[in-house]
Amino acid sequence: MKQAIIIGASSGIGWELAVQLAAKGYQLGLMARRSGCLEKLAGKLPGEHFIQVTDVSQAEQSQAELTALIEKMGDVNLIVVNSGVGNKERKLDWVVEREMIDVNVRGFAAMSLTSMNYFTQRGAGHLVGLSSCAAHFSAGVTPTYNATKAFASSYLNGLRSRAVRSKLPITVTTIEPGFVETPMVEGKPMWLAPLEKAVAQMVTGIEKRRDHIFITKRWRLVALLLDIMPNGLIRKFM
């Protein structure tokens, strides 16, 4: 039986990933802060699944909870690190920034590190991390969120290099969505992708064990342009 763990499964992309992976025969370990949402999700999925309440902002505790869930499930071959928060910063507020850093940087790294160590010990596996196209530029209204996503993408790239050097069949996939129709997205921004379509593209890329997935595909070109565009020009449009 294929087994996967989704960290940040209680809503949005994580919830839909659970729906689509379960439909493909995966037994899932579902992790998030809100137990009620996890129980509701597990009740809607075919088959039997595992629930582990965790708060990744408590990095060391969440590492222990991930390890315990892996041991309970027995043999996990796919782990998706999806947990993340984002807030606009009309004013610079350390409380707001700290939450994003605790979840998107400390929590993300802690979960990814634990996953990589497990796959190295196992001798194979697939780590998927959710970053964002926001990793490719800075923005005055979201300086912390964009910076945390730049960290996530860079960190995953580093883990990918370690996996290659290990010569073990470990895949590290970075997913960088543009705008996906989730509660985190406000209004109707450019190229807003329906959630089900966006996640279907993610699942296809995961099954093909791709190193990098842009959602939707046109955002690959946007990311390339942002990487070479002068900061002054980015500020004018962003």
C-alpha atoms as a PDB file:
ATOM      1  CA  MET A   1       0.000   0.000   0.000  1.00  0.00           C
ATOM      2  CA  LYS A   2       1.248   3.493  -0.860  1.00  0.00           C
ATOM      3  CA  GLN A   3       1.470   5.707   2.201  1.00  0.00           C
ATOM      4  CA  ALA A   4       1.850   9.490   2.361  1.00  0.00           C
ATOM      5  CA  ILE A   5       1.853  12.159   5.045  1.00  0.00           C
ATOM      6  CA  ILE A   6       0.445  15.626   4.376  1.00  0.00           C
ATOM      7  CA  ILE A   7       1.567  18.296   6.834  1.00  0.00           C
ATOM      8  CA  GLY A   8      -0.941  21.138   6.705  1.00  0.00           C
ATOM      9  CA  ALA A   9      -3.921  19.100   5.543  1.00  0.00           C
ATOM     10  CA  SER A  10      -6.783  20.920   7.245  1.00  0.00           C
ATOM     11  CA  SER A  11      -7.757  23.293   4.409  1.00  0.00           C
ATOM     12  CA  GLY A  12      -6.965  24.595   0.935  1.00  0.00           C
ATOM     13  CA  ILE A  13      -4.220  22.870  -1.028  1.00  0.00           C
ATOM     14  CA  GLY A  14      -3.476  20.345   1.721  1.00  0.00           C
ATOM     15  CA  TRP A  15      -7.119  19.270   1.963  1.00  0.00           C
ATOM     16  CA  GLU A  16      -7.454  18.855  -1.804  1.00  0.00           C
ATOM     17  CA  LEU A  17      -4.148  16.968  -1.999  1.00  0.00           C
ATOM     18  CA  ALA A  18      -5.555  14.530   0.541  1.00  0.00           C
ATOM     19  CA  VAL A  19      -8.712  14.085  -1.529  1.00  0.00           C
ATOM     20  CA  GLN A  20      -6.820  13.444  -4.758  1.00  0.00           C
ATOM     21  CA  LEU A  21      -4.106  11.214  -3.277  1.00  0.00           C
ATOM     22  CA  ALA A  22      -6.665   9.119  -1.401  1.00  0.00           C
ATOM     23  CA  ALA A  23      -8.534   8.663  -4.686  1.00  0.00           C
ATOM     24  CA  LYS A  24      -5.316   7.215  -6.109  1.00  0.00           C
ATOM     25  CA  GLY A  25      -5.119   4.617  -3.357  1.00  0.00           C
ATOM     26  CA  TYR A  26      -2.853   6.287  -0.816  1.00  0.00           C
ATOM     27  CA  GLN A  27      -3.289   5.685   2.881  1.00  0.00           C
ATOM     28  CA  LEU A  28      -2.667   9.066   4.460  1.00  0.00           C
ATOM     29  CA  GLY A  29      -1.282  10.565   7.609  1.00  0.00           C
ATOM     30  CA  LEU A  30      -3.017  13.920   8.074  1.00  0.00           C
ATOM     31  CA  MET A  31      -1.271  16.584  10.158  1.00  0.00           C
ATOM     32  CA  ALA A  32      -2.436  20.097  11.095  1.00  0.00           C
ATOM     33  CA  ARG A  33      -3.393  22.202  14.115  1.00  0.00           C
ATOM     34  CA  ARG A  34      -7.188  21.834  13.872  1.00  0.00           C
ATOM     35  CA  SER A  35      -8.306  18.387  14.974  1.00  0.00           C
ATOM     36  CA  GLY A  36     -11.933  18.961  13.961  1.00  0.00           C
ATOM     37  CA  CYS A  37     -10.947  19.744  10.377  1.00  0.00           C
ATOM     38  CA  LEU A  38      -8.703  16.674  10.211  1.00  0.00           C
ATOM     39  CA  GLU A  39     -11.461  14.424  11.513  1.00  0.00           C
ATOM     40  CA  LYS A  40     -13.919  15.887   9.014  1.00  0.00           C
ATOM     41  CA  LEU A  41     -11.445  15.327   6.178  1.00  0.00           C
ATOM     42  CA  ALA A  42     -10.643  11.751   7.200  1.00  0.00           C
ATOM     43  CA  GLY A  43     -14.364  10.998   7.333  1.00  0.00           C
ATOM     44  CA  LYS A  44     -14.807  12.095   3.729  1.00  0.00           C
ATOM     45  CA  LEU A  45     -11.933  10.023   2.328  1.00  0.00           C
ATOM     46  CA  PRO A  46     -12.170   6.414   1.157  1.00  0.00           C
ATOM     47  CA  GLY A  47     -10.287   3.964   3.336  1.00  0.00           C
ATOM     48  CA  GLU A  48      -8.750   4.362   6.779  1.00  0.00           C
ATOM     49  CA  HIS A  49      -6.283   7.138   7.544  1.00  0.00           C
ATOM     50  CA  PHE A  50      -4.216   8.486  10.433  1.00  0.00           C
ATOM     51  CA  ILE A  51      -4.616  11.830  12.201  1.00  0.00           C
ATOM     52  CA  GLN A  52      -1.940  13.699  14.111  1.00  0.00           C
ATOM     53  CA  VAL A  53      -2.634  17.147  15.539  1.00  0.00           C
ATOM     54  CA  THR A  54       0.486  19.288  15.352  1.00  0.00           C
ATOM     55  CA  ASP A  55       1.544  22.919  15.399  1.00  0.00           C
ATOM     56  CA  VAL A  56       4.673  23.331  13.279  1.00  0.00           C
ATOM     57  CA  SER A  57       5.468  26.653  14.944  1.00  0.00           C
ATOM     58  CA  GLN A  58       6.493  24.421  17.869  1.00  0.00           C
ATOM     59  CA  ALA A  59       9.292  22.976  15.770  1.00  0.00           C
ATOM     60  CA  GLU A  60      10.861  20.388  18.060  1.00  0.00           C
ATOM     61  CA  GLN A  61       7.508  19.075  19.272  1.00  0.00           C
ATOM     62  CA  SER A  62       6.207  18.789  15.717  1.00  0.00           C
ATOM     63  CA  GLN A  63       9.339  16.856  14.728  1.00  0.00           C
ATOM     64  CA  ALA A  64       8.634  14.330  17.463  1.00  0.00           C
ATOM     65  CA  GLU A  65       4.991  14.082  16.374  1.00  0.00           C
ATOM     66  CA  LEU A  66       5.987  13.511  12.745  1.00  0.00           C
ATOM     67  CA  THR A  67       8.417  10.786  13.768  1.00  0.00           C
ATOM     68  CA  ALA A  68       5.730   9.123  15.903  1.00  0.00           C
ATOM     69  CA  LEU A  69       3.247   9.220  13.020  1.00  0.00           C
ATOM     70  CA  ILE A  70       5.784   7.641  10.657  1.00  0.00           C
ATOM     71  CA  GLU A  71       6.399   4.852  13.155  1.00  0.00           C
ATOM     72  CA  LYS A  72       2.663   4.319  13.566  1.00  0.00           C
ATOM     73  CA  MET A  73       2.098   4.092   9.795  1.00  0.00           C
ATOM     74  CA  GLY A  74       5.050   1.772   9.243  1.00  0.00           C
ATOM     75  CA  ASP A  75       6.494   2.638   5.813  1.00  0.00           C
ATOM     76  CA  VAL A  76       5.849   6.096   4.388  1.00  0.00           C
ATOM     77  CA  ASN A  77       7.167   6.804   0.889  1.00  0.00           C
ATOM     78  CA  LEU A  78       5.839  10.365   0.358  1.00  0.00           C
ATOM     79  CA  ILE A  79       5.789  13.370   2.706  1.00  0.00           C
ATOM     80  CA  VAL A  80       4.271  16.706   1.676  1.00  0.00           C
ATOM     81  CA  VAL A  81       5.221  19.767   3.740  1.00  0.00           C
ATOM     82  CA  ASN A  82       2.373  22.162   2.992  1.00  0.00           C
ATOM     83  CA  SER A  83       1.843  24.099   6.220  1.00  0.00           C
ATOM     84  CA  GLY A  84       2.231  27.844   5.832  1.00  0.00           C
ATOM     85  CA  VAL A  85       0.725  31.208   6.755  1.00  0.00           C
ATOM     86  CA  GLY A  86       0.700  34.547   4.973  1.00  0.00           C
ATOM     87  CA  ASN A  87      -0.273  38.053   6.034  1.00  0.00           C
ATOM     88  CA  LYS A  88      -0.051  41.473   4.451  1.00  0.00           C
ATOM     89  CA  GLU A  89       1.999  43.982   6.404  1.00  0.00           C
ATOM     90  CA  ARG A  90       0.476  47.429   6.093  1.00  0.00           C
ATOM     91  CA  LYS A  91       2.690  48.236   9.060  1.00  0.00           C
ATOM     92  CA  LEU A  92       5.728  46.372  10.309  1.00  0.00           C
ATOM     93  CA  ASP A  93       4.564  44.265  13.243  1.00  0.00           C
ATOM     94  CA  TRP A  94       6.926  41.753  14.836  1.00  0.00           C
ATOM     95  CA  VAL A  95       4.082  39.595  16.170  1.00  0.00           C
ATOM     96  CA  VAL A  96       2.784  39.124  12.609  1.00  0.00           C
ATOM     97  CA  GLU A  97       6.262  38.580  11.191  1.00  0.00           C
ATOM     98  CA  ARG A  98       7.243  36.138  13.925  1.00  0.00           C
ATOM     99  CA  GLU A  99       4.273  33.867  13.199  1.00  0.00           C
ATOM    100  CA  MET A 100       5.222  33.657   9.518  1.00  0.00           C
ATOM    101  CA  ILE A 101       8.857  32.979  10.369  1.00  0.00           C
ATOM    102  CA  ASP A 102       7.957  30.357  12.988  1.00  0.00           C
ATOM    103  CA  VAL A 103       5.670  28.475  10.606  1.00  0.00           C
ATOM    104  CA  ASN A 104       7.144  29.112   7.141  1.00  0.00           C
ATOM    105  CA  VAL A 105      10.824  28.932   8.099  1.00  0.00           C
ATOM    106  CA  ARG A 106      11.391  27.132  11.412  1.00  0.00           C
ATOM    107  CA  GLY A 107       8.459  24.766  11.057  1.00  0.00           C
ATOM    108  CA  PHE A 108       9.063  24.153   7.364  1.00  0.00           C
ATOM    109  CA  ALA A 109      12.746  23.368   7.908  1.00  0.00           C
ATOM    110  CA  ALA A 110      12.036  21.151  10.915  1.00  0.00           C
ATOM    111  CA  MET A 111       9.486  19.055   9.023  1.00  0.00           C
ATOM    112  CA  SER A 112      11.643  18.839   5.889  1.00  0.00           C
ATOM    113  CA  LEU A 113      14.758  17.881   7.864  1.00  0.00           C
ATOM    114  CA  THR A 114      12.934  15.140   9.769  1.00  0.00           C
ATOM    115  CA  SER A 115      11.506  13.821   6.490  1.00  0.00           C
ATOM    116  CA  MET A 116      14.914  13.773   4.786  1.00  0.00           C
ATOM    117  CA  ASN A 117      16.563  11.975   7.687  1.00  0.00           C
ATOM    118  CA  TYR A 118      13.790   9.378   7.622  1.00  0.00           C
ATOM    119  CA  PHE A 119      14.087   8.825   3.869  1.00  0.00           C
ATOM    120  CA  THR A 120      17.881   8.568   4.146  1.00  0.00           C
ATOM    121  CA  GLN A 121      17.513   5.902   6.826  1.00  0.00           C
ATOM    122  CA  ARG A 122      14.807   4.174   4.769  1.00  0.00           C
ATOM    123  CA  GLY A 123      16.996   4.287   1.656  1.00  0.00           C
ATOM    124  CA  ALA A 124      14.402   5.948  -0.595  1.00  0.00           C
ATOM    125  CA  GLY A 125      11.488   8.349  -0.564  1.00  0.00           C
ATOM    126  CA  HIS A 126       9.906  11.512  -1.897  1.00  0.00           C
ATOM    127  CA  LEU A 127       9.791  14.865  -0.112  1.00  0.00           C
ATOM    128  CA  VAL A 128       7.484  17.538  -1.524  1.00  0.00           C
ATOM    129  CA  GLY A 129       7.601  21.095  -0.243  1.00  0.00           C
ATOM    130  CA  LEU A 130       5.084  23.859  -0.983  1.00  0.00           C
ATOM    131  CA  SER A 131       6.768  27.188  -1.625  1.00  0.00           C
ATOM    132  CA  SER A 132       5.422  29.984  -3.856  1.00  0.00           C
ATOM    133  CA  CYS A 133       6.276  32.060  -6.908  1.00  0.00           C
ATOM    134  CA  ALA A 134       6.564  34.836  -4.304  1.00  0.00           C
ATOM    135  CA  ALA A 135      10.013  33.366  -3.652  1.00  0.00           C
ATOM    136  CA  HIS A 136      11.228  35.119  -6.814  1.00  0.00           C
ATOM    137  CA  PHE A 137      10.638  38.735  -5.788  1.00  0.00           C
ATOM    138  CA  SER A 138      10.367  41.059  -2.808  1.00  0.00           C
ATOM    139  CA  ALA A 139       7.302  43.161  -2.080  1.00  0.00           C
ATOM    140  CA  GLY A 140       6.852  46.084   0.300  1.00  0.00           C
ATOM    141  CA  VAL A 141       3.447  44.936   1.481  1.00  0.00           C
ATOM    142  CA  THR A 142       4.510  41.285   2.021  1.00  0.00           C
ATOM    143  CA  PRO A 143       8.256  41.435   2.790  1.00  0.00           C
ATOM    144  CA  THR A 144       8.243  38.647   5.364  1.00  0.00           C
ATOM    145  CA  TYR A 145       6.002  36.210   3.474  1.00  0.00           C
ATOM    146  CA  ASN A 146       8.052  36.523   0.278  1.00  0.00           C
ATOM    147  CA  ALA A 147      11.291  36.113   2.209  1.00  0.00           C
ATOM    148  CA  THR A 148      10.030  32.957   3.928  1.00  0.00           C
ATOM    149  CA  LYS A 149       9.124  31.457   0.564  1.00  0.00           C
ATOM    150  CA  ALA A 150      12.554  32.324  -0.814  1.00  0.00           C
ATOM    151  CA  PHE A 151      13.967  30.405   2.156  1.00  0.00           C
ATOM    152  CA  ALA A 152      11.709  27.413   1.447  1.00  0.00           C
ATOM    153  CA  SER A 153      12.702  27.187  -2.217  1.00  0.00           C
ATOM    154  CA  SER A 154      16.413  27.584  -1.448  1.00  0.00           C
ATOM    155  CA  TYR A 155      16.292  25.080   1.408  1.00  0.00           C
ATOM    156  CA  LEU A 156      14.585  22.460  -0.743  1.00  0.00           C
ATOM    157  CA  ASN A 157      17.170  23.005  -3.469  1.00  0.00           C
ATOM    158  CA  GLY A 158      19.893  22.357  -0.912  1.00  0.00           C
ATOM    159  CA  LEU A 159      18.195  19.171   0.254  1.00  0.00           C
ATOM    160  CA  ARG A 160      17.917  18.099  -3.391  1.00  0.00           C
ATOM    161  CA  SER A 161      21.677  18.499  -3.753  1.00  0.00           C
ATOM    162  CA  ARG A 162      22.220  16.329  -0.670  1.00  0.00           C
ATOM    163  CA  ALA A 163      19.879  13.690  -2.082  1.00  0.00           C
ATOM    164  CA  VAL A 164      21.813  13.600  -5.364  1.00  0.00           C
ATOM    165  CA  ARG A 165      25.145  13.265  -3.551  1.00  0.00           C
ATOM    166  CA  SER A 166      23.763  10.453  -1.406  1.00  0.00           C
ATOM    167  CA  LYS A 167      23.107   8.415  -4.570  1.00  0.00           C
ATOM    168  CA  LEU A 168      19.917   7.165  -2.929  1.00  0.00           C
ATOM    169  CA  PRO A 169      16.603   7.216  -4.831  1.00  0.00           C
ATOM    170  CA  ILE A 170      15.287  10.219  -2.885  1.00  0.00           C
ATOM    171  CA  THR A 171      13.341  12.857  -4.805  1.00  0.00           C
ATOM    172  CA  VAL A 172      12.885  16.401  -3.521  1.00  0.00           C
ATOM    173  CA  THR A 173      10.115  18.326  -5.287  1.00  0.00           C
ATOM    174  CA  THR A 174       9.583  22.067  -4.958  1.00  0.00           C
ATOM    175  CA  ILE A 175       6.084  23.311  -5.807  1.00  0.00           C
ATOM    176  CA  GLU A 176       5.757  27.028  -6.516  1.00  0.00           C
ATOM    177  CA  PRO A 177       2.145  28.042  -7.119  1.00  0.00           C
ATOM    178  CA  GLY A 178       1.070  31.415  -8.399  1.00  0.00           C
ATOM    179  CA  PHE A 179      -2.457  32.323  -7.337  1.00  0.00           C
ATOM    180  CA  VAL A 180      -4.645  29.362  -6.315  1.00  0.00           C
ATOM    181  CA  GLU A 181      -8.257  29.723  -5.194  1.00  0.00           C
ATOM    182  CA  THR A 182      -7.826  29.187  -1.442  1.00  0.00           C
ATOM    183  CA  PRO A 183      -8.917  31.154   1.660  1.00  0.00           C
ATOM    184  CA  MET A 184      -5.451  32.752   1.779  1.00  0.00           C
ATOM    185  CA  VAL A 185      -5.960  34.554  -1.552  1.00  0.00           C
ATOM    186  CA  GLU A 186      -7.919  37.801  -1.483  1.00  0.00           C
ATOM    187  CA  GLY A 187     -10.031  39.002  -4.401  1.00  0.00           C
ATOM    188  CA  LYS A 188      -9.571  37.769  -7.989  1.00  0.00           C
ATOM    189  CA  PRO A 189      -5.905  38.236  -8.874  1.00  0.00           C
ATOM    190  CA  MET A 190      -4.378  37.517 -12.288  1.00  0.00           C
ATOM    191  CA  TRP A 191      -4.391  33.884 -13.428  1.00  0.00           C
ATOM    192  CA  LEU A 192      -6.272  32.614 -10.393  1.00  0.00           C
ATOM    193  CA  ALA A 193      -6.302  28.820 -10.733  1.00  0.00           C
ATOM    194  CA  PRO A 194      -9.222  26.726  -9.473  1.00  0.00           C
ATOM    195  CA  LEU A 195      -8.118  24.648  -6.498  1.00  0.00           C
ATOM    196  CA  GLU A 196      -9.012  21.249  -7.986  1.00  0.00           C
ATOM    197  CA  LYS A 197      -7.179  21.993 -11.258  1.00  0.00           C
ATOM    198  CA  ALA A 198      -4.106  23.341  -9.470  1.00  0.00           C
ATOM    199  CA  VAL A 199      -3.825  20.316  -7.201  1.00  0.00           C
ATOM    200  CA  ALA A 200      -4.386  17.906 -10.098  1.00  0.00           C
ATOM    201  CA  GLN A 201      -1.324  19.440 -11.778  1.00  0.00           C
ATOM    202  CA  MET A 202       0.617  19.068  -8.541  1.00  0.00           C
ATOM    203  CA  VAL A 203      -0.319  15.400  -8.250  1.00  0.00           C
ATOM    204  CA  THR A 204       0.707  14.755 -11.854  1.00  0.00           C
ATOM    205  CA  GLY A 205       4.085  16.349 -11.195  1.00  0.00           C
ATOM    206  CA  ILE A 206       4.518  14.432  -7.955  1.00  0.00           C
ATOM    207  CA  GLU A 207       3.775  11.133  -9.697  1.00  0.00           C
ATOM    208  CA  LYS A 208       6.377  12.002 -12.348  1.00  0.00           C
ATOM    209  CA  ARG A 209       8.830  12.776  -9.545  1.00  0.00           C
ATOM    210  CA  ARG A 210       9.668  16.192 -10.942  1.00  0.00           C
ATOM    211  CA  ASP A 211      12.180  18.403  -9.184  1.00  0.00           C
ATOM    212  CA  HIS A 212      10.191  21.609  -9.704  1.00  0.00           C
ATOM    213  CA  ILE A 213       6.515  22.241 -10.379  1.00  0.00           C
ATOM    214  CA  PHE A 214       4.994  25.624 -11.224  1.00  0.00           C
ATOM    215  CA  ILE A 215       1.232  26.034 -10.787  1.00  0.00           C
ATOM    216  CA  THR A 216      -0.070  26.749 -13.286  1.00  0.00           C
ATOM    217  CA  LYS A 217       2.623  26.113 -15.905  1.00  0.00           C
ATOM    218  CA  ARG A 218       2.656  29.713 -17.186  1.00  0.00           C
ATOM    219  CA  TRP A 219       4.154  30.802 -13.870  1.00  0.00           C
ATOM    220  CA  ARG A 220       7.441  29.174 -14.908  1.00  0.00           C
ATOM    221  CA  LEU A 221       7.907  32.020 -17.393  1.00  0.00           C
ATOM    222  CA  VAL A 222       6.841  34.593 -14.795  1.00  0.00           C
ATOM    223  CA  ALA A 223       9.414  33.245 -12.330  1.00  0.00           C
ATOM    224  CA  LEU A 224      12.127  33.390 -14.990  1.00  0.00           C
ATOM    225  CA  LEU A 225      11.274  37.001 -15.799  1.00  0.00           C
ATOM    226  CA  LEU A 226      11.246  37.953 -12.119  1.00  0.00           C
ATOM    227  CA  ASP A 227      14.678  36.398 -11.641  1.00  0.00           C
ATOM    228  CA  ILE A 228      16.228  38.616 -14.327  1.00  0.00           C
ATOM    229  CA  MET A 229      14.125  41.763 -13.912  1.00  0.00           C
ATOM    230  CA  PRO A 230      15.778  44.756 -12.146  1.00  0.00           C
ATOM    231  CA  ASN A 231      14.417  45.444  -8.671  1.00  0.00           C
ATOM    232  CA  GLY A 232      13.369  48.941  -9.642  1.00  0.00           C
ATOM    233  CA  LEU A 233      11.130  47.575 -12.370  1.00  0.00           C
ATOM    234  CA  ILE A 234       9.653  44.946 -10.037  1.00  0.00           C
ATOM    235  CA  ARG A 235       8.799  47.666  -7.506  1.00  0.00           C
ATOM    236  CA  LYS A 236       6.984  49.630 -10.190  1.00  0.00           C
ATOM    237  CA  PHE A 237       4.655  46.744 -10.991  1.00  0.00           C
ATOM    238  CA  MET A 238       4.478  44.920  -7.640  1.00  0.00           C
END
